[in-house]
Amino acid sequence: MELKVSIGTQSFAFLRENHCFFIDKTGFIQEWWENRDAVTLITRPQRFGKTLNLSMLECFFSNRYAKRGDLFEGLSIWEKEEYRNLQGAYPVIFLSFANVKGMTYQDARDGIIRAVFGAFRDHDDLFLGRDADKAQREYYGALENYVSNPSKDRFLPDDFVTGALHELTVYLHRHYGKRALLFLDEYDTPLQEAYVKGYWKELVALVRSMFNAAFKTNPSMERGILTGITRVSRESVFSDLNNLTVITTTSEKYRTQFGFVQEEVWDALELFGIHQEKENVKAWYDGFTFGSQKDIYNPWSITGFLEERLYKPYWANSSSNSLVSNLIRQGNPQTKMMMEDLLAGKTLKMELDEEIIFDQLGKKPGAVWSMLLAAGYLKVTDKAFCQETGIFTYGLQLTNREVAVMFRDMIKGWFSDEDVPYNEFVRALLLGDTKAMNRYMNRVALETFSFFDTGKRPSKDLRPERFYHGFVLGLIVELAGRYRILSNRESGFGRYDVMLEPLGQSDMAFVLEFKVFDPDEEETLADTLKAAHLQMEKKAYDTELAARGILGSRIRHYGFAFVGKTVLIG
């Protein structure tokens, strides 16, 4: 029978029943079971097999799949006789918050209730069968009525909502005489949405109470697993869960159980008769690191490539990048400068706290990079431990070519509005058309100043800096391969703002200086422009270009004078 590649399927049973391509990760069953941790939180980037692995656990342990050992025949776990006796032996609750993405707190609360009711419905025989007592029927009925009734008058008190999963474990324990396994997938999706949409505090209070009731010293729960992208801070969500084991991307546990290791990818390419593509596949999709395990590939990208045989950013295009885009776009100039370095292939040295505190993403140094690491956009190249401070310093790079392409497309998107003629400005810059540059730049600035400074407390002083560093990122992706673009680097006796060093022998080089109008020292923007040129001359910003053999006749200097949203270039 021909092996099929099923794109996006997250059901273990479907893949096995339909003879679809599947890389054996049943070692996760044994590793997790033998670790005996009461509650495990596993964080991995999107599309790394978290849902499929939980589906696999459900098929293995759930009594709803009793006598379905056929699903595991030929896989490593089925070679172990002692584990065959565990197949189908436990009541299992498996639910996901992946679709809880409400615009408001009430939307998110409703989404959580729907997800919880889905778990109840999986076991509706307990509540609708002849053995169900009145209390069980009423509990189930209250959830069903709420979910199926669109009326605004419907109501479920918070304690009912937060205690529902706990109640379900109690009913299962009582009915089967065995404690339940509780699997919650994508636990942090509604929390990320709450941060972006502005109802973080309300949702955290609800989720914290639910997790405490379901996972903390619950005598009807055998063990539990939560999966997500981020490790949300213990103080915000897991404050009372002292039985929680946290597995992040830097942990050693389960380091090979999510994502494909290189040997598995090579075997897959051989299986599909395209082994000659190994080096290109590696360049595009390799680069993830979990614990000490390097050369990990995203399953979504590999299955996409096996199906289409095209090189493109499968995984990055499948992810929701809005939070990442906002964090970089609205970040301070230092954030944008570090992004410039990453796009240039450089390594950042950074102290990181792997606990994501959403309220500090725009404030705490390094928080944005912790988020990017957790989301899979950065990889750890090395780490060093300081004995005196007890802090790890990490080397960070963009994960691979796929991620670099995603970021370049994202930055292009910042300038893609038809009212922002960014490409025309770049062409005018290269042609030396100052008149067109002024016309275009004033439109660009008018449309994008607020775009790059849309935090809760925009700062007038930082607006030009936020804008021009965003502008530089746009230059980098627009002129990649033709220029080396640098910003805020030392040359001569100071730091220039922007330098465009041509990679070819015929293009002009450019030095750009951005200056804000100072009413105490200047009467007009023309004075500000003169001050910018005087600074470029006095500080000898051409020194770096001259050292690279670029003559002065090939160097153009442009000052950008700002007042409000008005720009004068010359």
Protein backbone atom coordinates (compact mmCIF):
# COMPACT_ATOMS: atom_id res chain seq x y z
CA MET A 1 0.00 0.00 0.00
CA GLU A 2 1.31 3.44 -0.94
CA LEU A 3 2.34 5.57 2.03
CA LYS A 4 0.41 8.84 2.20
CA VAL A 5 1.49 12.19 3.66
CA SER A 6 -1.41 13.68 5.60
CA ILE A 7 -0.90 17.43 6.08
CA GLY A 8 -2.18 18.86 9.33
CA THR A 9 -3.65 15.66 10.76
CA GLN A 10 -3.29 15.63 14.54
CA SER A 11 -5.15 12.38 15.20
CA PHE A 12 -2.90 9.43 15.95
CA ALA A 13 -5.70 6.94 15.22
CA PHE A 14 -6.40 8.48 11.80
CA LEU A 15 -2.74 8.32 10.76
CA ARG A 16 -2.40 4.69 11.80
CA GLU A 17 -5.73 3.51 10.39
CA ASN A 18 -5.11 5.18 7.01
CA HIS A 19 -1.50 4.06 6.55
CA CYS A 20 -0.15 7.63 6.64
CA PHE A 21 3.45 8.73 7.08
CA PHE A 22 4.29 8.63 10.81
CA ILE A 23 7.58 8.81 12.65
CA ASP A 24 7.54 6.58 15.72
CA LYS A 25 7.43 8.72 18.87
CA THR A 26 5.92 6.04 21.13
CA GLY A 27 9.10 6.22 23.20
CA PHE A 28 7.42 9.29 24.71
CA ILE A 29 4.82 6.97 26.29
CA GLN A 30 7.46 4.99 28.16
CA GLU A 31 9.61 7.99 29.08
CA TRP A 32 6.65 9.93 30.49
CA TRP A 33 5.18 6.97 32.35
CA GLU A 34 8.48 6.00 33.97
CA ASN A 35 9.23 9.58 35.07
CA ARG A 36 6.14 9.38 37.32
CA ASP A 37 5.72 13.17 37.52
CA ALA A 38 2.32 14.18 38.89
CA VAL A 39 1.76 17.13 36.53
CA THR A 40 4.01 17.93 33.58
CA LEU A 41 4.06 21.17 31.59
CA ILE A 42 5.79 20.73 28.22
CA THR A 43 6.52 23.82 26.11
CA ARG A 44 7.38 23.53 22.45
CA PRO A 45 6.86 25.85 19.46
CA GLN A 46 3.75 25.54 17.32
CA ARG A 47 3.43 22.54 15.00
CA PHE A 48 5.96 20.41 16.86
CA GLY A 49 3.72 17.41 17.46
CA LYS A 50 2.34 18.36 20.87
CA THR A 51 -1.26 17.62 19.89
CA LEU A 52 -0.34 14.44 18.02
CA ASN A 53 1.66 13.16 20.97
CA LEU A 54 -1.24 13.77 23.35
CA SER A 55 -3.57 12.04 20.89
CA MET A 56 -1.12 9.13 20.90
CA LEU A 57 -1.18 9.03 24.71
CA GLU A 58 -4.97 9.06 24.66
CA CYS A 59 -5.11 6.16 22.21
CA PHE A 60 -2.65 4.21 24.32
CA PHE A 61 -4.06 4.74 27.81
CA SER A 62 -7.76 5.53 27.33
CA ASN A 63 -10.33 2.84 28.04
CA ARG A 64 -12.27 4.30 25.11
CA TYR A 65 -9.52 2.70 22.98
CA ALA A 66 -9.43 -0.60 24.87
CA LYS A 67 -8.47 -3.52 22.65
CA ARG A 68 -7.02 -1.18 20.01
CA GLY A 69 -3.51 -2.50 20.30
CA ASP A 70 -3.54 -2.74 16.52
CA LEU A 71 -2.85 1.00 16.43
CA PHE A 72 0.56 0.35 18.03
CA GLU A 73 1.63 -2.81 16.23
CA GLY A 74 5.04 -2.34 14.65
CA LEU A 75 5.91 0.60 16.92
CA SER A 76 8.59 0.51 19.61
CA ILE A 77 6.22 0.62 22.60
CA TRP A 78 4.46 -2.57 21.47
CA GLU A 79 7.70 -4.54 21.70
CA LYS A 80 7.53 -4.21 25.49
CA GLU A 81 5.15 -6.78 26.98
CA GLU A 82 4.67 -4.87 30.25
CA TYR A 83 3.33 -1.86 28.37
CA ARG A 84 0.79 -3.87 26.42
CA ASN A 85 -1.05 -4.37 29.69
CA LEU A 86 -1.41 -0.58 30.10
CA GLN A 87 -3.11 -0.09 26.73
CA GLY A 88 -6.73 0.98 27.27
CA ALA A 89 -6.41 0.77 31.05
CA TYR A 90 -7.37 4.29 32.25
CA PRO A 91 -10.13 6.85 31.91
CA VAL A 92 -8.64 9.79 30.00
CA ILE A 93 -9.72 13.42 29.68
CA PHE A 94 -8.23 15.11 26.61
CA LEU A 95 -9.14 18.69 25.71
CA SER A 96 -7.55 21.61 23.90
CA PHE A 97 -7.61 25.40 24.27
CA ALA A 98 -6.17 25.86 20.76
CA ASN A 99 -9.35 27.50 19.47
CA VAL A 100 -9.95 29.78 22.46
CA LYS A 101 -9.10 33.11 20.80
CA GLY A 102 -11.74 35.56 21.92
CA MET A 103 -11.70 39.27 21.25
CA THR A 104 -13.07 39.86 24.77
CA TYR A 105 -12.88 38.18 28.16
CA GLN A 106 -16.43 36.90 27.76
CA ASP A 107 -15.53 35.37 24.37
CA ALA A 108 -12.55 33.60 25.94
CA ARG A 109 -14.59 32.40 28.91
CA ASP A 110 -17.21 30.99 26.54
CA GLY A 111 -14.48 29.30 24.50
CA ILE A 112 -13.09 27.60 27.62
CA ILE A 113 -16.57 26.41 28.59
CA ARG A 114 -17.06 24.93 25.10
CA ALA A 115 -13.72 23.12 25.35
CA VAL A 116 -14.61 21.74 28.78
CA PHE A 117 -18.05 20.62 27.58
CA GLY A 118 -16.33 18.81 24.71
CA ALA A 119 -14.44 16.76 27.30
CA PHE A 120 -17.72 15.99 29.09
CA ARG A 121 -19.34 14.98 25.81
CA ASP A 122 -16.54 12.47 25.18
CA HIS A 123 -17.85 10.68 28.27
CA ASP A 124 -21.56 11.41 27.87
CA ASP A 125 -22.51 7.81 28.69
CA LEU A 126 -21.65 8.64 32.31
CA PHE A 127 -24.16 11.47 32.33
CA LEU A 128 -26.91 10.28 30.01
CA GLY A 129 -26.90 6.54 30.72
CA ARG A 130 -29.35 4.76 32.98
CA ASP A 131 -26.80 4.62 35.81
CA ALA A 132 -26.33 8.43 35.94
CA ASP A 133 -27.77 10.06 39.04
CA LYS A 134 -29.72 13.33 39.13
CA ALA A 135 -26.71 15.47 40.11
CA GLN A 136 -24.65 14.14 37.19
CA ARG A 137 -27.46 14.77 34.70
CA GLU A 138 -27.98 18.32 36.02
CA TYR A 139 -24.27 19.13 35.84
CA TYR A 140 -24.04 17.91 32.25
CA GLY A 141 -27.31 19.63 31.37
CA ALA A 142 -26.13 22.98 32.71
CA LEU A 143 -23.02 22.87 30.52
CA GLU A 144 -24.94 21.68 27.47
CA ASN A 145 -27.60 24.36 27.87
CA TYR A 146 -24.98 27.10 28.18
CA VAL A 147 -23.06 25.99 25.10
CA SER A 148 -26.12 25.43 22.91
CA ASN A 149 -28.06 28.53 24.01
CA PRO A 150 -26.85 31.75 22.29
CA SER A 151 -28.97 33.96 24.57
CA LYS A 152 -27.17 36.70 26.45
CA ASP A 153 -29.18 35.73 29.53
CA ARG A 154 -27.36 32.42 29.96
CA PHE A 155 -25.13 32.23 33.02
CA LEU A 156 -22.71 29.87 34.74
CA PRO A 157 -20.99 31.06 37.92
CA ASP A 158 -17.19 31.13 37.96
CA ASP A 159 -16.90 28.40 40.58
CA PHE A 160 -18.95 26.09 38.35
CA VAL A 161 -16.65 26.79 35.39
CA THR A 162 -13.38 26.51 37.29
CA GLY A 163 -14.45 23.31 39.06
CA ALA A 164 -15.81 21.49 36.00
CA LEU A 165 -12.67 19.54 35.07
CA HIS A 166 -12.22 18.49 38.68
CA GLU A 167 -15.82 17.25 38.76
CA LEU A 168 -15.25 15.25 35.58
CA THR A 169 -12.25 13.46 37.12
CA VAL A 170 -14.39 12.65 40.16
CA TYR A 171 -17.18 11.14 38.04
CA LEU A 172 -14.69 9.07 36.01
CA HIS A 173 -12.88 7.86 39.13
CA ARG A 174 -16.13 6.85 40.76
CA HIS A 175 -17.43 5.04 37.67
CA TYR A 176 -14.31 3.11 36.65
CA GLY A 177 -12.58 2.73 39.99
CA LYS A 178 -9.42 4.20 38.48
CA ARG A 179 -8.08 7.71 38.69
CA ALA A 180 -8.17 9.70 35.45
CA LEU A 181 -5.35 10.93 33.26
CA LEU A 182 -5.86 14.61 32.36
CA PHE A 183 -4.31 16.05 29.16
CA LEU A 184 -4.73 19.75 28.31
CA ASP A 185 -3.29 20.88 24.97
CA GLU A 186 -2.34 24.49 24.08
CA TYR A 187 -3.10 25.76 27.57
CA ASP A 188 -1.55 29.17 26.84
CA THR A 189 -3.38 30.10 23.62
CA PRO A 190 -6.15 32.03 25.42
CA LEU A 191 -3.54 33.68 27.66
CA GLN A 192 -1.61 35.02 24.68
CA GLU A 193 -4.84 36.31 23.16
CA ALA A 194 -5.77 37.91 26.49
CA TYR A 195 -2.47 39.79 26.56
CA VAL A 196 -2.85 41.05 22.98
CA LYS A 197 -6.54 41.96 23.37
CA GLY A 198 -6.23 43.53 26.85
CA TYR A 199 -8.11 41.24 29.27
CA TRP A 200 -5.10 39.48 30.80
CA LYS A 201 -5.92 39.94 34.50
CA GLU A 202 -9.50 38.68 34.26
CA LEU A 203 -8.57 35.56 32.32
CA VAL A 204 -5.57 34.72 34.50
CA ALA A 205 -7.81 34.68 37.58
CA LEU A 206 -10.22 32.23 35.90
CA VAL A 207 -7.51 29.93 34.52
CA ARG A 208 -5.54 29.90 37.77
CA SER A 209 -8.61 28.75 39.72
CA MET A 210 -9.39 26.07 37.11
CA PHE A 211 -5.83 24.69 37.13
CA ASN A 212 -5.68 24.64 40.91
CA ALA A 213 -8.94 22.71 41.11
CA ALA A 214 -8.05 20.21 38.38
CA PHE A 215 -4.32 19.62 38.85
CA LYS A 216 -3.44 20.44 42.47
CA THR A 217 -3.58 17.44 44.82
CA ASN A 218 -6.65 16.11 43.00
CA PRO A 219 -7.30 12.63 44.47
CA SER A 220 -9.24 11.64 41.34
CA MET A 221 -6.40 12.46 38.92
CA GLU A 222 -3.67 9.89 38.30
CA ARG A 223 -1.38 12.22 36.34
CA GLY A 224 -1.67 15.28 34.17
CA ILE A 225 0.03 16.91 31.19
CA LEU A 226 -0.28 20.46 29.90
CA THR A 227 1.31 21.57 26.64
CA GLY A 228 1.83 25.03 25.22
CA ILE A 229 4.27 27.34 23.52
CA THR A 230 5.28 29.41 26.52
CA ARG A 231 6.09 28.81 30.14
CA VAL A 232 3.78 31.40 31.69
CA SER A 233 5.11 32.62 35.03
CA ARG A 234 4.27 30.53 38.06
CA GLU A 235 3.07 33.63 39.91
CA SER A 236 0.41 34.41 37.32
CA VAL A 237 -1.11 30.99 36.58
CA PHE A 238 0.58 28.20 38.53
CA SER A 239 1.06 29.92 41.89
CA ASP A 240 -0.38 27.04 43.95
CA LEU A 241 0.77 24.09 41.83
CA ASN A 242 3.70 22.76 43.83
CA ASN A 243 3.46 19.40 42.02
CA LEU A 244 4.31 20.84 38.59
CA THR A 245 7.32 19.65 36.53
CA VAL A 246 8.21 22.16 33.81
CA ILE A 247 9.88 21.07 30.57
CA THR A 248 11.10 23.93 28.35
CA THR A 249 13.14 23.97 25.16
CA THR A 250 16.35 23.98 27.22
CA SER A 251 15.36 20.95 29.35
CA GLU A 252 16.86 17.50 28.81
CA LYS A 253 13.67 15.52 29.37
CA TYR A 254 11.78 14.55 26.20
CA ARG A 255 14.37 16.30 24.06
CA THR A 256 13.88 13.91 21.10
CA GLN A 257 10.14 13.27 21.50
CA PHE A 258 8.85 16.45 19.84
CA GLY A 259 10.05 17.29 16.35
CA PHE A 260 12.12 15.10 14.03
CA VAL A 261 15.81 14.47 14.67
CA GLN A 262 18.15 14.46 11.70
CA GLU A 263 18.34 10.66 11.35
CA GLU A 264 14.53 10.51 11.17
CA VAL A 265 14.47 13.20 8.46
CA TRP A 266 17.17 11.42 6.44
CA ASP A 267 15.21 8.15 6.68
CA ALA A 268 12.06 9.95 5.50
CA LEU A 269 13.86 11.41 2.47
CA GLU A 270 15.17 7.94 1.61
CA LEU A 271 11.68 6.47 2.03
CA PHE A 272 10.22 8.95 -0.46
CA GLY A 273 13.13 8.63 -2.89
CA ILE A 274 14.52 12.14 -2.54
CA HIS A 275 17.69 11.53 -0.53
CA GLN A 276 19.57 13.92 -2.84
CA GLU A 277 17.74 16.83 -1.17
CA LYS A 278 19.40 16.35 2.22
CA GLU A 279 21.65 19.42 2.19
CA ASN A 280 18.95 21.81 0.98
CA VAL A 281 16.45 20.42 3.50
CA LYS A 282 19.04 20.92 6.22
CA ALA A 283 19.74 24.52 5.18
CA TRP A 284 16.04 25.39 5.14
CA TYR A 285 14.56 23.47 8.06
CA ASP A 286 17.26 22.32 10.50
CA GLY A 287 18.31 24.38 13.49
CA PHE A 288 16.01 23.74 16.43
CA THR A 289 17.63 22.67 19.69
CA PHE A 290 15.92 21.04 22.67
CA GLY A 291 18.18 20.54 25.68
CA SER A 292 21.46 19.13 24.37
CA GLN A 293 19.79 17.68 21.26
CA LYS A 294 20.70 19.65 18.16
CA ASP A 295 19.58 19.21 14.54
CA ILE A 296 15.86 19.05 15.24
CA TYR A 297 13.39 19.72 12.42
CA ASN A 298 9.85 21.01 12.54
CA PRO A 299 7.46 18.19 11.53
CA TRP A 300 5.10 20.57 9.74
CA SER A 301 7.87 21.77 7.43
CA ILE A 302 9.16 18.29 6.69
CA THR A 303 5.73 16.81 5.90
CA GLY A 304 4.94 19.88 3.80
CA PHE A 305 8.14 19.40 1.83
CA LEU A 306 7.56 15.65 1.42
CA GLU A 307 4.15 16.41 -0.05
CA GLU A 308 4.97 19.41 -2.27
CA ARG A 309 8.74 19.03 -2.90
CA LEU A 310 9.06 22.83 -2.76
CA TYR A 311 11.30 24.93 -0.51
CA LYS A 312 9.22 27.54 1.29
CA PRO A 313 8.38 28.57 4.89
CA TYR A 314 5.68 25.99 5.67
CA TRP A 315 5.94 26.25 9.45
CA ALA A 316 6.38 30.00 9.75
CA ASN A 317 3.38 30.58 7.50
CA SER A 318 1.26 28.27 9.65
CA SER A 319 1.94 30.16 12.86
CA SER A 320 0.20 33.20 14.23
CA ASN A 321 2.91 35.86 14.09
CA SER A 322 0.87 38.88 15.23
CA LEU A 323 2.28 38.93 18.78
CA VAL A 324 5.87 38.51 17.53
CA SER A 325 5.38 41.23 14.92
CA ASN A 326 3.95 43.65 17.49
CA LEU A 327 6.76 43.00 19.98
CA ILE A 328 9.44 43.84 17.42
CA ARG A 329 7.62 46.62 15.59
CA GLN A 330 6.67 48.44 18.79
CA GLY A 331 9.93 47.59 20.57
CA ASN A 332 12.51 50.19 21.46
CA PRO A 333 15.40 51.08 19.13
CA GLN A 334 17.68 48.58 20.88
CA THR A 335 15.24 45.77 20.04
CA LYS A 336 15.21 46.74 16.37
CA MET A 337 19.01 47.02 16.29
CA MET A 338 19.33 43.51 17.71
CA MET A 339 16.88 42.32 15.08
CA GLU A 340 19.16 43.88 12.45
CA ASP A 341 22.05 41.80 13.81
CA LEU A 342 19.98 38.62 13.76
CA LEU A 343 18.94 39.19 10.16
CA ALA A 344 22.63 39.69 9.32
CA GLY A 345 23.37 36.22 10.74
CA LYS A 346 24.98 37.42 13.97
CA THR A 347 24.67 35.87 17.42
CA LEU A 348 23.08 37.68 20.37
CA LYS A 349 24.47 37.14 23.87
CA MET A 350 21.58 37.38 26.29
CA GLU A 351 20.54 36.55 29.84
CA LEU A 352 17.11 34.92 29.67
CA ASP A 353 14.33 34.04 32.04
CA GLU A 354 12.29 31.27 30.45
CA GLU A 355 9.20 32.23 32.45
CA ILE A 356 7.16 34.51 30.21
CA ILE A 357 5.60 37.37 32.15
CA PHE A 358 3.26 38.90 29.60
CA ASP A 359 2.87 42.14 31.50
CA GLN A 360 6.63 42.67 31.16
CA LEU A 361 7.05 41.82 27.47
CA GLY A 362 7.29 45.46 26.51
CA LYS A 363 9.28 46.51 29.58
CA LYS A 364 11.67 43.87 30.88
CA PRO A 365 15.02 43.65 29.04
CA GLY A 366 15.30 40.31 27.27
CA ALA A 367 11.63 39.39 27.64
CA VAL A 368 10.97 39.66 23.91
CA TRP A 369 13.87 37.30 23.18
CA SER A 370 12.57 34.78 25.74
CA MET A 371 9.29 34.84 23.85
CA LEU A 372 11.00 34.38 20.48
CA LEU A 373 13.04 31.47 21.84
CA ALA A 374 9.95 29.75 23.24
CA ALA A 375 8.09 30.29 19.97
CA GLY A 376 10.90 28.67 17.97
CA TYR A 377 12.15 31.72 16.07
CA LEU A 378 15.51 31.65 17.86
CA LYS A 379 17.85 28.78 18.64
CA VAL A 380 20.43 28.42 21.42
CA THR A 381 23.93 28.14 19.99
CA ASP A 382 25.71 28.00 23.35
CA LYS A 383 25.20 28.83 27.00
CA ALA A 384 27.48 29.76 29.87
CA PHE A 385 26.77 29.71 33.61
CA CYS A 386 28.07 32.42 35.92
CA GLN A 387 28.88 31.02 39.37
CA GLU A 388 28.71 34.46 41.01
CA THR A 389 25.28 35.48 39.74
CA GLY A 390 23.75 32.04 39.19
CA ILE A 391 22.56 33.21 35.74
CA PHE A 392 22.88 31.53 32.35
CA THR A 393 23.95 33.59 29.34
CA TYR A 394 22.71 32.24 26.02
CA GLY A 395 23.96 32.66 22.48
CA LEU A 396 20.94 33.15 20.20
CA GLN A 397 20.54 33.06 16.42
CA LEU A 398 17.64 32.90 13.99
CA THR A 399 16.71 29.24 13.83
CA ASN A 400 17.11 28.60 10.10
CA ARG A 401 16.50 29.93 6.61
CA GLU A 402 12.77 29.36 6.90
CA VAL A 403 12.57 31.67 9.93
CA ALA A 404 14.75 34.32 8.26
CA VAL A 405 12.42 34.34 5.25
CA MET A 406 9.43 34.66 7.59
CA PHE A 407 10.92 37.69 9.34
CA ARG A 408 11.83 39.35 6.06
CA ASP A 409 8.27 38.86 4.80
CA MET A 410 6.89 40.17 8.09
CA ILE A 411 8.98 43.36 7.91
CA LYS A 412 8.01 43.88 4.27
CA GLY A 413 4.43 43.66 5.44
CA TRP A 414 4.96 46.67 7.71
CA PHE A 415 5.42 48.78 4.58
CA SER A 416 3.01 47.01 2.26
CA ASP A 417 0.11 49.46 2.53
CA GLU A 418 -0.66 51.15 -0.77
CA ASP A 419 -0.53 54.54 0.98
CA VAL A 420 3.07 53.90 2.08
CA PRO A 421 5.20 54.05 -1.09
CA TYR A 422 8.26 52.51 0.53
CA ASN A 423 9.64 50.83 -2.59
CA GLU A 424 9.44 54.13 -4.46
CA PHE A 425 11.41 55.82 -1.70
CA VAL A 426 14.17 53.21 -1.88
CA ARG A 427 14.40 53.65 -5.65
CA ALA A 428 14.59 57.43 -5.24
CA LEU A 429 17.36 57.02 -2.65
CA LEU A 430 19.43 54.84 -4.97
CA LEU A 431 18.89 57.26 -7.86
CA GLY A 432 19.77 60.32 -5.78
CA ASP A 433 16.39 61.96 -6.50
CA THR A 434 16.15 64.24 -3.45
CA LYS A 435 12.85 65.78 -4.53
CA ALA A 436 11.18 62.37 -4.82
CA MET A 437 12.80 61.24 -1.56
CA ASN A 438 11.24 64.19 0.29
CA ARG A 439 7.84 63.60 -1.25
CA TYR A 440 7.85 59.87 -0.53
CA MET A 441 9.44 60.04 2.93
CA ASN A 442 6.90 62.56 4.19
CA ARG A 443 4.15 60.16 3.16
CA VAL A 444 5.97 57.22 4.71
CA ALA A 445 6.52 59.10 7.97
CA LEU A 446 2.93 60.34 8.07
CA GLU A 447 1.57 56.82 7.65
CA THR A 448 4.04 54.89 9.80
CA PHE A 449 5.13 57.08 12.74
CA SER A 450 2.22 55.93 14.89
CA PHE A 451 2.58 52.40 13.49
CA PHE A 452 6.01 52.13 15.10
CA ASP A 453 5.00 53.77 18.37
CA THR A 454 1.61 52.40 19.37
CA GLY A 455 2.27 51.38 22.95
CA LYS A 456 0.06 52.40 25.84
CA ARG A 457 2.28 55.43 26.52
CA PRO A 458 3.83 56.62 23.26
CA SER A 459 6.80 58.90 23.77
CA LYS A 460 7.37 61.95 21.59
CA ASP A 461 11.10 61.73 22.24
CA LEU A 462 11.30 58.12 21.06
CA ARG A 463 9.03 58.37 18.04
CA PRO A 464 11.74 59.34 15.51
CA GLU A 465 14.09 56.67 16.86
CA ARG A 466 11.45 53.94 16.81
CA PHE A 467 10.51 55.00 13.29
CA TYR A 468 13.97 55.16 11.79
CA HIS A 469 15.06 51.82 13.23
CA GLY A 470 11.92 50.27 11.79
CA PHE A 471 12.81 52.04 8.55
CA VAL A 472 16.30 50.50 8.65
CA LEU A 473 14.81 47.01 9.03
CA GLY A 474 12.78 47.77 5.93
CA LEU A 475 15.96 48.76 4.09
CA ILE A 476 17.63 45.54 5.13
CA VAL A 477 14.95 43.30 3.67
CA GLU A 478 14.43 45.51 0.59
CA LEU A 479 18.13 45.70 -0.33
CA ALA A 480 19.30 42.29 0.92
CA GLY A 481 21.97 40.91 -1.40
CA ARG A 482 22.84 44.32 -2.82
CA TYR A 483 23.93 46.25 0.29
CA ARG A 484 25.27 45.58 3.73
CA ILE A 485 23.13 47.81 5.95
CA LEU A 486 24.45 48.89 9.33
CA SER A 487 23.05 51.23 11.95
CA ASN A 488 24.31 52.96 15.05
CA ARG A 489 27.88 51.67 14.61
CA GLU A 490 31.18 53.38 15.39
CA SER A 491 33.12 54.97 12.53
CA GLY A 492 35.62 57.79 12.74
CA PHE A 493 34.95 59.79 15.91
CA GLY A 494 31.34 58.85 16.56
CA ARG A 495 28.37 56.66 15.70
CA TYR A 496 26.57 57.10 12.43
CA ASP A 497 22.85 56.41 12.23
CA VAL A 498 22.67 54.34 9.03
CA MET A 499 25.28 53.16 6.54
CA LEU A 500 24.62 51.34 3.25
CA GLU A 501 27.78 49.63 2.04
CA PRO A 502 27.45 48.34 -1.54
CA LEU A 503 28.39 44.72 -2.15
CA GLY A 504 29.06 45.39 -5.84
CA GLN A 505 31.61 47.62 -7.54
CA SER A 506 29.22 50.05 -9.26
CA ASP A 507 26.63 51.02 -6.63
CA MET A 508 26.93 54.15 -4.51
CA ALA A 509 27.45 53.99 -0.74
CA PHE A 510 25.22 56.00 1.60
CA VAL A 511 25.55 57.52 5.05
CA LEU A 512 22.28 58.67 6.63
CA GLU A 513 21.96 60.88 9.71
CA PHE A 514 18.60 61.35 11.45
CA LYS A 515 18.18 64.49 13.54
CA VAL A 516 15.22 65.89 15.48
CA PHE A 517 14.56 69.64 15.26
CA ASP A 518 15.79 71.45 18.38
CA PRO A 519 13.93 74.78 18.82
CA ASP A 520 16.53 75.99 21.35
CA GLU A 521 19.35 75.78 18.80
CA GLU A 522 17.67 75.85 15.39
CA GLU A 523 15.17 78.16 13.74
CA THR A 524 14.10 75.94 10.83
CA LEU A 525 14.32 72.36 9.62
CA ALA A 526 16.93 73.58 7.15
CA ASP A 527 19.14 74.41 10.15
CA THR A 528 18.59 70.91 11.50
CA LEU A 529 19.60 69.49 8.14
CA LYS A 530 22.82 71.55 8.14
CA ALA A 531 23.59 70.29 11.64
CA ALA A 532 23.18 66.70 10.45
CA HIS A 533 25.66 67.21 7.59
CA LEU A 534 28.10 69.04 9.86
CA GLN A 535 27.99 66.11 12.28
CA MET A 536 28.70 63.59 9.50
CA GLU A 537 31.69 65.68 8.41
CA LYS A 538 33.15 66.40 11.86
CA LYS A 539 32.75 62.83 13.06
CA ALA A 540 34.31 61.43 9.88
CA TYR A 541 31.63 58.81 9.37
CA ASP A 542 33.18 57.87 5.99
CA THR A 543 36.13 56.25 7.77
CA GLU A 544 34.67 52.73 7.76
CA LEU A 545 33.75 52.92 4.07
CA ALA A 546 37.16 54.31 3.17
CA ALA A 547 38.81 51.45 5.06
CA ARG A 548 36.89 49.08 2.80
CA GLY A 549 38.29 50.77 -0.31
CA ILE A 550 35.25 52.87 -1.22
CA LEU A 551 36.34 56.28 -2.53
CA GLY A 552 34.64 59.50 -1.46
CA SER A 553 33.24 59.99 -4.96
CA ARG A 554 31.10 56.88 -4.41
CA ILE A 555 29.67 58.05 -1.06
CA ARG A 556 26.49 60.10 -0.69
CA HIS A 557 25.46 61.79 2.55
CA TYR A 558 21.84 62.48 3.44
CA GLY A 559 20.46 64.23 6.46
CA PHE A 560 16.90 63.51 7.66
CA ALA A 561 15.54 66.38 9.75
CA PHE A 562 12.36 65.66 11.76
CA VAL A 563 9.79 67.91 13.38
CA GLY A 564 6.61 66.10 14.34
CA LYS A 565 5.65 64.02 11.30
CA THR A 566 7.39 66.34 8.86
CA VAL A 567 10.73 65.33 7.35
CA LEU A 568 13.25 67.32 5.33
CA ILE A 569 15.90 65.35 3.42
CA GLY A 570 18.98 66.80 1.83
